[in-house]
Every structure is written in structure tokens, then in C-alpha cells.
Amino acid sequence: MPYDPDLHGPRVLGPGFNERVFEIVRSVPRGRVTTFGDVAEALGWKRAARQVGRAMAALPGTDSDVPWQRVVLSSGSVPCGPRQAKLLRAEGVAVRASGQVARFRELRWRPG
């Protein structure tokens, strides 16, 4: 199947993409979680979940004001292991030993 920009979106998301991702993630309420796909959809790019992940990975160190720990996989699992689980627990989000957010459907917050 050939590349179709109407179906797949743009190949390059352009300058400012990361900052727009960070802006949405900053709006996730404490004690709630969202997914990479939810953030991508809020940006108008349904299929850009991986690019959202890349933006999150580009956060500058631990001094960031972006609550990265609130972004999880669409399955409700934490992708960054014990550190992310610890930060979420500190916000009142129960994370099972398996890395799954307990009550994920209830706690899932969808931007916009």
C-alpha cells in the first residue's frame, strides 16, 4: 500500500511538536493518567503515538515541569518501570507489581 498522507498523516510533524506534546501532558491532572495515543489524538494526529513517545523521551533531564509519569501505554501499563510506578503511587495512582495501573479505565484522562 503506497503512502497516503490523508490516511497516515504527515511524515514529519514539524518544529514545535515536542512543545505541544509537553503542553498537553502538563494539563493531565494529578492522580490521573493518559496514553501516548490520547496525546497524539489531542494534537490531531491519531497515528502519532510513537512520535509522542519520542517527544517524551526528549525531555530535558529530571528538572522538567512536565509530569511525564502520567503518560502510560494504551494497555494501562507503565513503560518506564519502577521509577514511573513510584512517582504515580506518590500521586495516589495504584500501580500493581506487574506495572499495570489499577482502575486504569477510571483514571484515564483524555485531553480536550
Protein backbone atom coordinates (compact mmCIF):
# COMPACT_ATOMS: atom_id res chain seq x y z
CA MET A 1 0.00 0.00 0.00
CA PRO A 2 1.55 3.33 -1.01
CA TYR A 3 1.99 6.15 1.47
CA ASP A 4 -1.20 8.23 1.68
CA PRO A 5 -0.79 11.46 3.71
CA ASP A 6 -4.56 11.72 4.21
CA LEU A 7 -4.62 8.28 5.80
CA HIS A 8 -1.27 8.25 7.58
CA GLY A 9 -0.70 11.92 8.35
CA PRO A 10 2.48 13.81 7.61
CA ARG A 11 5.81 12.04 7.69
CA VAL A 12 7.42 14.92 9.55
CA LEU A 13 5.45 16.56 12.32
CA GLY A 14 7.50 19.72 12.21
CA PRO A 15 9.00 22.21 14.60
CA GLY A 16 7.17 22.82 17.83
CA PHE A 17 5.74 19.31 18.02
CA ASN A 18 7.56 18.38 21.23
CA GLU A 19 6.47 21.57 22.99
CA ARG A 20 2.84 20.94 22.02
CA VAL A 21 3.15 17.42 23.45
CA PHE A 22 4.61 18.82 26.69
CA GLU A 23 1.81 21.39 26.92
CA ILE A 24 -0.85 18.68 26.79
CA VAL A 25 0.98 16.46 29.28
CA ARG A 26 1.25 19.41 31.69
CA SER A 27 -2.56 19.56 31.67
CA VAL A 28 -3.03 15.96 32.87
CA PRO A 29 -4.48 16.24 36.38
CA ARG A 30 -2.55 14.86 39.33
CA GLY A 31 -3.75 11.35 40.17
CA ARG A 32 -4.84 10.65 36.57
CA VAL A 33 -3.10 9.08 33.58
CA THR A 34 -3.31 9.43 29.82
CA THR A 35 -1.80 7.47 26.95
CA PHE A 36 0.62 8.32 24.17
CA GLY A 37 -2.23 7.79 21.73
CA ASP A 38 -4.57 10.10 23.67
CA VAL A 39 -1.97 12.86 23.48
CA ALA A 40 -1.45 12.24 19.76
CA GLU A 41 -5.19 12.39 19.14
CA ALA A 42 -5.48 15.64 21.10
CA LEU A 43 -2.85 17.08 18.76
CA GLY A 44 -4.91 15.99 15.76
CA TRP A 45 -2.53 13.18 14.80
CA LYS A 46 -4.26 9.92 15.77
CA ARG A 47 -1.42 7.80 14.46
CA ALA A 48 1.43 9.72 16.07
CA ALA A 49 1.67 7.87 19.39
CA ARG A 50 5.26 6.84 18.69
CA GLN A 51 6.22 10.42 17.94
CA VAL A 52 4.65 11.43 21.26
CA GLY A 53 6.84 8.79 22.90
CA ARG A 54 9.90 10.24 21.19
CA ALA A 55 8.97 13.71 22.39
CA MET A 56 8.60 12.41 25.94
CA ALA A 57 11.99 10.70 25.69
CA ALA A 58 13.49 14.05 24.67
CA LEU A 59 12.51 15.75 27.93
CA PRO A 60 15.48 17.62 29.38
CA GLY A 61 16.58 15.72 32.49
CA THR A 62 14.78 15.46 35.81
CA ASP A 63 14.25 19.21 36.25
CA SER A 64 11.35 19.26 33.81
CA ASP A 65 7.94 20.57 34.83
CA VAL A 66 6.29 18.03 32.51
CA PRO A 67 4.67 15.22 34.55
CA TRP A 68 5.93 12.50 32.20
CA GLN A 69 4.97 9.75 34.65
CA ARG A 70 1.28 10.34 33.86
CA VAL A 71 1.67 9.02 30.31
CA VAL A 72 1.24 5.26 30.04
CA LEU A 73 0.66 2.66 27.35
CA SER A 74 -2.84 2.13 25.95
CA SER A 75 -2.94 -1.16 27.89
CA GLY A 76 -2.55 0.79 31.14
CA SER A 77 1.00 -0.43 31.72
CA VAL A 78 3.80 1.87 32.79
CA PRO A 79 6.54 1.85 30.13
CA CYS A 80 9.32 3.22 32.36
CA GLY A 81 9.27 0.66 35.14
CA PRO A 82 9.68 1.13 38.89
CA ARG A 83 10.63 4.82 38.80
CA GLN A 84 7.44 5.74 36.97
CA ALA A 85 5.35 3.48 39.19
CA LYS A 86 6.83 5.12 42.29
CA LEU A 87 6.02 8.62 41.02
CA LEU A 88 2.46 7.60 40.15
CA ARG A 89 1.95 5.98 43.56
CA ALA A 90 3.10 9.23 45.18
CA GLU A 91 0.21 10.91 43.34
CA GLY A 92 -2.29 8.34 44.60
CA VAL A 93 -2.37 6.15 41.49
CA ALA A 94 -2.23 2.47 42.39
CA VAL A 95 0.21 0.54 40.22
CA ARG A 96 0.29 -3.24 40.53
CA ALA A 97 3.57 -5.15 40.85
CA SER A 98 3.07 -6.16 37.20
CA GLY A 99 3.33 -2.48 36.19
CA GLN A 100 -0.36 -2.18 35.35
CA VAL A 101 -2.26 0.90 36.55
CA ALA A 102 -5.10 -0.31 38.78
CA ARG A 103 -8.50 1.08 37.77
CA PHE A 104 -6.93 2.30 34.51
CA ARG A 105 -10.28 2.90 32.80
CA GLU A 106 -11.45 5.09 35.68
CA LEU A 107 -8.22 7.05 35.94
CA ARG A 108 -7.66 7.53 32.23
CA TRP A 109 -7.88 11.19 31.29
CA ARG A 110 -8.40 12.20 27.69
CA PRO A 111 -7.23 15.67 26.75
CA GLY A 112 -9.54 18.07 25.01
